[in-house]
Amino acid sequence: MTDFEYLKKYYEGSFEEALEKLESGIPVQYIVGNVDFYGLNFYVNKNVLIPRFETEELIEKTIKRIKNKFNKKIDIIDLGTGSGCIAVSLKKNVDCNMTAIDISLSAIRIAKSNAIKNNVEINFLQRNMLNNNDSLYDVIISNPPYIAYDEEIMDIVKNNEPHLALFADDNGLKLYEEILMKAKYNLKKDFLIAFEIGYTQGKAIKEMSIKYLENINVDIEKDLQGKDRFVFITSK
């Protein structure tokens, strides 16, 4: 479906006004105010990233790994939840207790609305990654900011979506290292960590994983475009 068709089908206000916004470079999802994702519908606005196809792939792959690894109700934490699309989608498809955190209060408000919209119970916390967290989880999942500040990205993304959710220091790797440094204090003995990554970052994140965690398997998987896009870390 083209952006024009999406507007025509879903926008409830003045079509001419919406078309002007679209032509000015505002993403159609922000104009309409919602997006379909993994069979569900989510509110979105300028305070959260627009969910991508790659993140649907992350969820699909994570669900398969969870079902292969665990045969009990599990505890999951979604780090940097944004719109809540990962947390809500997993809660809908996995028997789990779900915690979701974000440093942005505006994002938390959107994520809470999406949990209500999709009729799931999630514990939302405003927090910076795993800071001040002493709970234990079977699964840590995150699609953190991973774009380097000097990396070229499309204008429609750069000019509209929240930079807090896009960019990170250390060539986009800072938050992965922050998570991995602290993860051992928040993981149960048998665990899974699932990351969405930038397509050049797989090797570096694998090396970080081996540096900070013991007795693990690390798998780098490609997206549908054939690019390295996911890292899965599991206990042996």
C-alpha atoms as a PDB file:
ATOM      1  CA  MET A   1       0.000   0.000   0.000  1.00  0.00           C
ATOM      2  CA  THR A   2       1.392   3.428  -0.944  1.00  0.00           C
ATOM      3  CA  ASP A   3       1.492   6.303   1.537  1.00  0.00           C
ATOM      4  CA  PHE A   4      -1.277   8.004  -0.459  1.00  0.00           C
ATOM      5  CA  GLU A   5      -3.485   4.894  -0.273  1.00  0.00           C
ATOM      6  CA  TYR A   6      -2.708   4.519   3.451  1.00  0.00           C
ATOM      7  CA  LEU A   7      -3.828   8.091   4.084  1.00  0.00           C
ATOM      8  CA  LYS A   8      -6.987   7.663   2.074  1.00  0.00           C
ATOM      9  CA  LYS A   9      -7.908   4.485   3.922  1.00  0.00           C
ATOM     10  CA  TYR A  10      -7.035   5.404   7.513  1.00  0.00           C
ATOM     11  CA  TYR A  11      -6.913   9.180   8.015  1.00  0.00           C
ATOM     12  CA  GLU A  12     -10.119  10.478   9.591  1.00  0.00           C
ATOM     13  CA  GLY A  13      -9.544  14.234   9.332  1.00  0.00           C
ATOM     14  CA  SER A  14      -9.205  16.606   6.388  1.00  0.00           C
ATOM     15  CA  PHE A  15      -7.636  14.667   3.535  1.00  0.00           C
ATOM     16  CA  GLU A  16      -6.256  17.840   1.944  1.00  0.00           C
ATOM     17  CA  GLU A  17      -4.566  18.834   5.207  1.00  0.00           C
ATOM     18  CA  ALA A  18      -3.115  15.345   5.607  1.00  0.00           C
ATOM     19  CA  LEU A  19      -1.834  15.370   2.029  1.00  0.00           C
ATOM     20  CA  GLU A  20      -0.072  18.683   2.663  1.00  0.00           C
ATOM     21  CA  LYS A  21       1.672  17.156   5.683  1.00  0.00           C
ATOM     22  CA  LEU A  22       2.699  14.132   3.645  1.00  0.00           C
ATOM     23  CA  GLU A  23       4.104  16.328   0.889  1.00  0.00           C
ATOM     24  CA  SER A  24       6.028  18.357   3.491  1.00  0.00           C
ATOM     25  CA  GLY A  25       7.931  15.210   4.531  1.00  0.00           C
ATOM     26  CA  ILE A  26       6.021  14.012   7.604  1.00  0.00           C
ATOM     27  CA  PRO A  27       5.768  10.198   7.760  1.00  0.00           C
ATOM     28  CA  VAL A  28       2.290   8.903   6.950  1.00  0.00           C
ATOM     29  CA  GLN A  29       2.228   6.866  10.178  1.00  0.00           C
ATOM     30  CA  TYR A  30       2.584  10.034  12.266  1.00  0.00           C
ATOM     31  CA  ILE A  31      -0.139  11.762  10.249  1.00  0.00           C
ATOM     32  CA  VAL A  32      -2.587   8.890  10.705  1.00  0.00           C
ATOM     33  CA  GLY A  33      -1.420   8.305  14.284  1.00  0.00           C
ATOM     34  CA  ASN A  34      -1.177   4.532  14.161  1.00  0.00           C
ATOM     35  CA  VAL A  35       0.526   1.655  12.383  1.00  0.00           C
ATOM     36  CA  ASP A  36      -0.138  -2.044  11.855  1.00  0.00           C
ATOM     37  CA  PHE A  37       2.630  -4.224  13.273  1.00  0.00           C
ATOM     38  CA  TYR A  38       2.818  -7.996  13.755  1.00  0.00           C
ATOM     39  CA  GLY A  39      -0.927  -8.358  13.320  1.00  0.00           C
ATOM     40  CA  LEU A  40      -1.709  -5.646  15.879  1.00  0.00           C
ATOM     41  CA  ASN A  41      -2.341  -1.909  15.716  1.00  0.00           C
ATOM     42  CA  PHE A  42      -0.234   0.644  17.606  1.00  0.00           C
ATOM     43  CA  TYR A  43      -0.509   4.330  18.332  1.00  0.00           C
ATOM     44  CA  VAL A  44       2.565   6.275  17.204  1.00  0.00           C
ATOM     45  CA  ASN A  45       3.610   9.909  17.323  1.00  0.00           C
ATOM     46  CA  LYS A  46       6.812  11.942  17.066  1.00  0.00           C
ATOM     47  CA  ASN A  47       7.929  10.730  20.516  1.00  0.00           C
ATOM     48  CA  VAL A  48       8.479   7.136  19.363  1.00  0.00           C
ATOM     49  CA  LEU A  49      10.064   5.372  16.412  1.00  0.00           C
ATOM     50  CA  ILE A  50       7.823   4.023  13.689  1.00  0.00           C
ATOM     51  CA  PRO A  51       8.025   0.198  13.987  1.00  0.00           C
ATOM     52  CA  ARG A  52       9.905  -1.453  11.096  1.00  0.00           C
ATOM     53  CA  PHE A  53       9.593  -4.747   9.246  1.00  0.00           C
ATOM     54  CA  GLU A  54      12.958  -5.801  10.665  1.00  0.00           C
ATOM     55  CA  THR A  55      11.571  -5.564  14.177  1.00  0.00           C
ATOM     56  CA  GLU A  56       8.710  -7.851  13.172  1.00  0.00           C
ATOM     57  CA  GLU A  57      11.420 -10.300  12.107  1.00  0.00           C
ATOM     58  CA  LEU A  58      13.100  -9.900  15.498  1.00  0.00           C
ATOM     59  CA  ILE A  59       9.853 -10.815  17.229  1.00  0.00           C
ATOM     60  CA  GLU A  60       9.213 -13.796  14.958  1.00  0.00           C
ATOM     61  CA  LYS A  61      12.711 -15.192  15.512  1.00  0.00           C
ATOM     62  CA  THR A  62      12.582 -14.529  19.252  1.00  0.00           C
ATOM     63  CA  ILE A  63       9.249 -16.308  19.674  1.00  0.00           C
ATOM     64  CA  LYS A  64      10.640 -19.387  17.919  1.00  0.00           C
ATOM     65  CA  ARG A  65      13.703 -19.421  20.159  1.00  0.00           C
ATOM     66  CA  ILE A  66      11.615 -18.951  23.305  1.00  0.00           C
ATOM     67  CA  LYS A  67       9.349 -21.854  22.391  1.00  0.00           C
ATOM     68  CA  ASN A  68      12.360 -24.072  21.680  1.00  0.00           C
ATOM     69  CA  LYS A  69      14.197 -23.128  24.887  1.00  0.00           C
ATOM     70  CA  PHE A  70      11.537 -22.760  27.585  1.00  0.00           C
ATOM     71  CA  ASN A  71       8.559 -24.849  28.631  1.00  0.00           C
ATOM     72  CA  LYS A  72       7.320 -22.628  31.449  1.00  0.00           C
ATOM     73  CA  LYS A  73       5.966 -19.145  32.032  1.00  0.00           C
ATOM     74  CA  ILE A  74       8.957 -16.819  31.680  1.00  0.00           C
ATOM     75  CA  ASP A  75      10.035 -13.336  32.685  1.00  0.00           C
ATOM     76  CA  ILE A  76      10.928 -10.960  29.846  1.00  0.00           C
ATOM     77  CA  ILE A  77      12.270  -7.405  29.845  1.00  0.00           C
ATOM     78  CA  ASP A  78      12.159  -5.121  26.801  1.00  0.00           C
ATOM     79  CA  LEU A  79      14.861  -2.461  27.005  1.00  0.00           C
ATOM     80  CA  GLY A  80      14.078   0.822  25.249  1.00  0.00           C
ATOM     81  CA  THR A  81      10.476  -0.083  24.534  1.00  0.00           C
ATOM     82  CA  GLY A  82       9.483   3.034  22.562  1.00  0.00           C
ATOM     83  CA  SER A  83       5.950   2.470  21.266  1.00  0.00           C
ATOM     84  CA  GLY A  84       5.826  -0.824  23.149  1.00  0.00           C
ATOM     85  CA  CYS A  85       5.517  -2.815  19.913  1.00  0.00           C
ATOM     86  CA  ILE A  86       8.012  -5.502  20.992  1.00  0.00           C
ATOM     87  CA  ALA A  87       6.657  -5.891  24.515  1.00  0.00           C
ATOM     88  CA  VAL A  88       3.004  -5.980  23.457  1.00  0.00           C
ATOM     89  CA  SER A  89       3.620  -8.383  20.565  1.00  0.00           C
ATOM     90  CA  LEU A  90       5.586 -10.807  22.737  1.00  0.00           C
ATOM     91  CA  LYS A  91       3.030 -10.631  25.528  1.00  0.00           C
ATOM     92  CA  LYS A  92       0.329 -11.530  23.003  1.00  0.00           C
ATOM     93  CA  ASN A  93       2.248 -14.583  21.787  1.00  0.00           C
ATOM     94  CA  VAL A  94       4.272 -15.898  24.736  1.00  0.00           C
ATOM     95  CA  ASP A  95       3.250 -17.048  28.229  1.00  0.00           C
ATOM     96  CA  CYS A  96       5.232 -14.467  30.200  1.00  0.00           C
ATOM     97  CA  ASN A  97       5.467 -11.713  32.743  1.00  0.00           C
ATOM     98  CA  MET A  98       6.525  -8.656  30.734  1.00  0.00           C
ATOM     99  CA  THR A  99       8.487  -5.625  31.905  1.00  0.00           C
ATOM    100  CA  ALA A 100       9.239  -2.770  29.514  1.00  0.00           C
ATOM    101  CA  ILE A 101      11.421   0.250  30.170  1.00  0.00           C
ATOM    102  CA  ASP A 102      12.319   3.460  28.411  1.00  0.00           C
ATOM    103  CA  ILE A 103      14.200   6.575  29.433  1.00  0.00           C
ATOM    104  CA  SER A 104      11.559   8.754  27.746  1.00  0.00           C
ATOM    105  CA  LEU A 105       8.407   9.452  29.753  1.00  0.00           C
ATOM    106  CA  SER A 106       6.630  10.444  26.530  1.00  0.00           C
ATOM    107  CA  ALA A 107       7.454   7.042  25.047  1.00  0.00           C
ATOM    108  CA  ILE A 108       6.238   5.259  28.180  1.00  0.00           C
ATOM    109  CA  ARG A 109       2.907   7.045  27.890  1.00  0.00           C
ATOM    110  CA  ILE A 110       2.486   5.879  24.288  1.00  0.00           C
ATOM    111  CA  ALA A 111       3.551   2.329  25.203  1.00  0.00           C
ATOM    112  CA  LYS A 112       1.043   2.203  28.059  1.00  0.00           C
ATOM    113  CA  SER A 113      -1.702   3.322  25.666  1.00  0.00           C
ATOM    114  CA  ASN A 114      -0.711   0.551  23.272  1.00  0.00           C
ATOM    115  CA  ALA A 115      -0.847  -2.057  26.022  1.00  0.00           C
ATOM    116  CA  ILE A 116      -4.378  -0.934  26.875  1.00  0.00           C
ATOM    117  CA  LYS A 117      -5.334  -0.803  23.178  1.00  0.00           C
ATOM    118  CA  ASN A 118      -4.187  -4.391  22.710  1.00  0.00           C
ATOM    119  CA  ASN A 119      -5.499  -5.665  26.060  1.00  0.00           C
ATOM    120  CA  VAL A 120      -2.249  -6.845  27.670  1.00  0.00           C
ATOM    121  CA  GLU A 121      -0.739  -6.308  31.109  1.00  0.00           C
ATOM    122  CA  ILE A 122       2.810  -4.989  31.106  1.00  0.00           C
ATOM    123  CA  ASN A 123       4.908  -3.459  33.880  1.00  0.00           C
ATOM    124  CA  PHE A 124       6.264  -0.185  32.465  1.00  0.00           C
ATOM    125  CA  LEU A 125       9.172   1.647  34.082  1.00  0.00           C
ATOM    126  CA  GLN A 126      10.895   4.910  33.217  1.00  0.00           C
ATOM    127  CA  ARG A 127      14.535   3.918  33.498  1.00  0.00           C
ATOM    128  CA  ASN A 128      17.824   3.913  31.604  1.00  0.00           C
ATOM    129  CA  MET A 129      18.359   0.324  30.419  1.00  0.00           C
ATOM    130  CA  LEU A 130      19.264  -2.023  33.307  1.00  0.00           C
ATOM    131  CA  ASN A 131      20.260   0.710  35.763  1.00  0.00           C
ATOM    132  CA  ASN A 132      19.068   0.113  39.349  1.00  0.00           C
ATOM    133  CA  ASN A 133      17.381  -3.149  38.417  1.00  0.00           C
ATOM    134  CA  ASP A 134      17.864  -6.199  40.638  1.00  0.00           C
ATOM    135  CA  SER A 135      15.196  -8.444  39.085  1.00  0.00           C
ATOM    136  CA  LEU A 136      16.038 -11.600  37.144  1.00  0.00           C
ATOM    137  CA  TYR A 137      14.786 -12.426  33.653  1.00  0.00           C
ATOM    138  CA  ASP A 138      14.741 -15.400  31.327  1.00  0.00           C
ATOM    139  CA  VAL A 139      14.788 -13.121  28.274  1.00  0.00           C
ATOM    140  CA  ILE A 140      16.273  -9.698  27.625  1.00  0.00           C
ATOM    141  CA  ILE A 141      15.235  -8.175  24.312  1.00  0.00           C
ATOM    142  CA  SER A 142      16.196  -4.806  22.886  1.00  0.00           C
ATOM    143  CA  ASN A 143      16.133  -2.739  19.729  1.00  0.00           C
ATOM    144  CA  PRO A 144      18.182   0.133  21.148  1.00  0.00           C
ATOM    145  CA  PRO A 145      19.419   3.259  19.367  1.00  0.00           C
ATOM    146  CA  TYR A 146      22.252   1.984  17.157  1.00  0.00           C
ATOM    147  CA  ILE A 147      22.954   4.586  14.475  1.00  0.00           C
ATOM    148  CA  ALA A 148      26.312   6.384  14.635  1.00  0.00           C
ATOM    149  CA  TYR A 149      26.058  10.174  14.764  1.00  0.00           C
ATOM    150  CA  ASP A 150      27.987  10.565  11.507  1.00  0.00           C
ATOM    151  CA  GLU A 151      26.017   7.881   9.654  1.00  0.00           C
ATOM    152  CA  GLU A 152      23.881   8.988   6.713  1.00  0.00           C
ATOM    153  CA  ILE A 153      20.164   8.255   7.104  1.00  0.00           C
ATOM    154  CA  MET A 154      17.092   9.242   5.122  1.00  0.00           C
ATOM    155  CA  ASP A 155      15.871  12.809   5.658  1.00  0.00           C
ATOM    156  CA  ILE A 156      12.340  11.647   6.470  1.00  0.00           C
ATOM    157  CA  VAL A 157      13.771   9.673   9.402  1.00  0.00           C
ATOM    158  CA  LYS A 158      16.327  12.256  10.548  1.00  0.00           C
ATOM    159  CA  ASN A 159      13.864  15.145  10.375  1.00  0.00           C
ATOM    160  CA  ASN A 160      10.926  13.462  12.107  1.00  0.00           C
ATOM    161  CA  GLU A 161      11.763  10.539  14.359  1.00  0.00           C
ATOM    162  CA  PRO A 162      13.198  11.040  17.872  1.00  0.00           C
ATOM    163  CA  HIS A 163      17.003  11.241  17.834  1.00  0.00           C
ATOM    164  CA  LEU A 164      17.081   9.786  21.351  1.00  0.00           C
ATOM    165  CA  ALA A 165      15.766   6.544  19.855  1.00  0.00           C
ATOM    166  CA  LEU A 166      17.995   6.631  16.761  1.00  0.00           C
ATOM    167  CA  PHE A 167      21.557   7.618  17.636  1.00  0.00           C
ATOM    168  CA  ALA A 168      24.161   6.293  20.062  1.00  0.00           C
ATOM    169  CA  ASP A 169      27.813   6.975  20.873  1.00  0.00           C
ATOM    170  CA  ASP A 170      30.749   4.680  20.065  1.00  0.00           C
ATOM    171  CA  ASN A 171      29.667   4.132  16.462  1.00  0.00           C
ATOM    172  CA  GLY A 172      26.215   3.144  17.644  1.00  0.00           C
ATOM    173  CA  LEU A 173      27.487   0.457  20.025  1.00  0.00           C
ATOM    174  CA  LYS A 174      27.284   2.203  23.393  1.00  0.00           C
ATOM    175  CA  LEU A 175      23.954   0.825  24.573  1.00  0.00           C
ATOM    176  CA  TYR A 176      24.730  -2.754  23.558  1.00  0.00           C
ATOM    177  CA  GLU A 177      27.843  -2.624  25.722  1.00  0.00           C
ATOM    178  CA  GLU A 178      25.904  -1.012  28.558  1.00  0.00           C
ATOM    179  CA  ILE A 179      23.332  -3.818  28.429  1.00  0.00           C
ATOM    180  CA  LEU A 180      25.889  -6.611  28.161  1.00  0.00           C
ATOM    181  CA  MET A 181      28.042  -5.245  31.001  1.00  0.00           C
ATOM    182  CA  LYS A 182      25.092  -5.446  33.401  1.00  0.00           C
ATOM    183  CA  ALA A 183      23.150  -8.367  31.954  1.00  0.00           C
ATOM    184  CA  LYS A 184      24.761 -11.081  34.088  1.00  0.00           C
ATOM    185  CA  TYR A 185      23.259  -9.470  37.187  1.00  0.00           C
ATOM    186  CA  ASN A 186      19.742  -9.632  35.697  1.00  0.00           C
ATOM    187  CA  LEU A 187      19.681 -13.017  33.985  1.00  0.00           C
ATOM    188  CA  LYS A 188      18.540 -16.375  35.238  1.00  0.00           C
ATOM    189  CA  LYS A 189      20.795 -19.389  34.735  1.00  0.00           C
ATOM    190  CA  ASP A 190      19.069 -20.399  31.496  1.00  0.00           C
ATOM    191  CA  PHE A 191      18.599 -17.312  29.344  1.00  0.00           C
ATOM    192  CA  LEU A 192      18.160 -15.660  25.968  1.00  0.00           C
ATOM    193  CA  ILE A 193      19.249 -12.186  24.877  1.00  0.00           C
ATOM    194  CA  ALA A 194      17.805 -10.910  21.595  1.00  0.00           C
ATOM    195  CA  PHE A 195      19.074  -7.776  19.823  1.00  0.00           C
ATOM    196  CA  GLU A 196      18.217  -5.933  16.653  1.00  0.00           C
ATOM    197  CA  ILE A 197      21.456  -4.407  15.338  1.00  0.00           C
ATOM    198  CA  GLY A 198      22.951  -2.238  12.630  1.00  0.00           C
ATOM    199  CA  TYR A 199      24.083  -4.421   9.733  1.00  0.00           C
ATOM    200  CA  THR A 200      27.800  -3.697  10.333  1.00  0.00           C
ATOM    201  CA  GLN A 201      27.727  -4.290  14.091  1.00  0.00           C
ATOM    202  CA  GLY A 202      27.410  -8.068  14.418  1.00  0.00           C
ATOM    203  CA  LYS A 203      31.077  -8.897  14.912  1.00  0.00           C
ATOM    204  CA  ALA A 204      31.621  -6.155  17.526  1.00  0.00           C
ATOM    205  CA  ILE A 205      28.534  -7.170  19.505  1.00  0.00           C
ATOM    206  CA  LYS A 206      29.556 -10.818  19.395  1.00  0.00           C
ATOM    207  CA  GLU A 207      32.961  -9.882  20.813  1.00  0.00           C
ATOM    208  CA  MET A 208      31.298  -7.818  23.559  1.00  0.00           C
ATOM    209  CA  SER A 209      29.031 -10.738  24.429  1.00  0.00           C
ATOM    210  CA  ILE A 210      31.984 -13.079  24.847  1.00  0.00           C
ATOM    211  CA  LYS A 211      33.804 -10.440  26.895  1.00  0.00           C
ATOM    212  CA  TYR A 212      31.020  -9.912  29.423  1.00  0.00           C
ATOM    213  CA  LEU A 213      29.199 -13.259  29.558  1.00  0.00           C
ATOM    214  CA  GLU A 214      30.401 -16.815  30.122  1.00  0.00           C
ATOM    215  CA  ASN A 215      29.293 -20.167  28.684  1.00  0.00           C
ATOM    216  CA  ILE A 216      27.213 -18.727  25.858  1.00  0.00           C
ATOM    217  CA  ASN A 217      26.358 -19.302  22.242  1.00  0.00           C
ATOM    218  CA  VAL A 218      26.186 -16.223  19.996  1.00  0.00           C
ATOM    219  CA  ASP A 219      24.315 -16.320  16.692  1.00  0.00           C
ATOM    220  CA  ILE A 220      24.206 -13.506  14.134  1.00  0.00           C
ATOM    221  CA  GLU A 221      21.236 -13.764  11.790  1.00  0.00           C
ATOM    222  CA  LYS A 222      20.305 -11.881   8.634  1.00  0.00           C
ATOM    223  CA  ASP A 223      17.111 -10.011   7.790  1.00  0.00           C
ATOM    224  CA  LEU A 224      15.042 -10.578   4.665  1.00  0.00           C
ATOM    225  CA  GLN A 225      17.356  -8.216   2.777  1.00  0.00           C
ATOM    226  CA  GLY A 226      20.316 -10.480   3.498  1.00  0.00           C
ATOM    227  CA  LYS A 227      21.949  -8.072   5.972  1.00  0.00           C
ATOM    228  CA  ASP A 228      23.189  -8.957   9.465  1.00  0.00           C
ATOM    229  CA  ARG A 229      20.371  -7.626  11.636  1.00  0.00           C
ATOM    230  CA  PHE A 230      19.944  -9.784  14.746  1.00  0.00           C
ATOM    231  CA  VAL A 231      22.117 -11.173  17.515  1.00  0.00           C
ATOM    232  CA  PHE A 232      20.887 -13.977  19.747  1.00  0.00           C
ATOM    233  CA  ILE A 233      22.878 -14.895  22.857  1.00  0.00           C
ATOM    234  CA  THR A 234      21.914 -18.046  24.737  1.00  0.00           C
ATOM    235  CA  SER A 235      23.217 -19.880  27.767  1.00  0.00           C
ATOM    236  CA  LYS A 236      24.873 -23.210  26.981  1.00  0.00           C
END
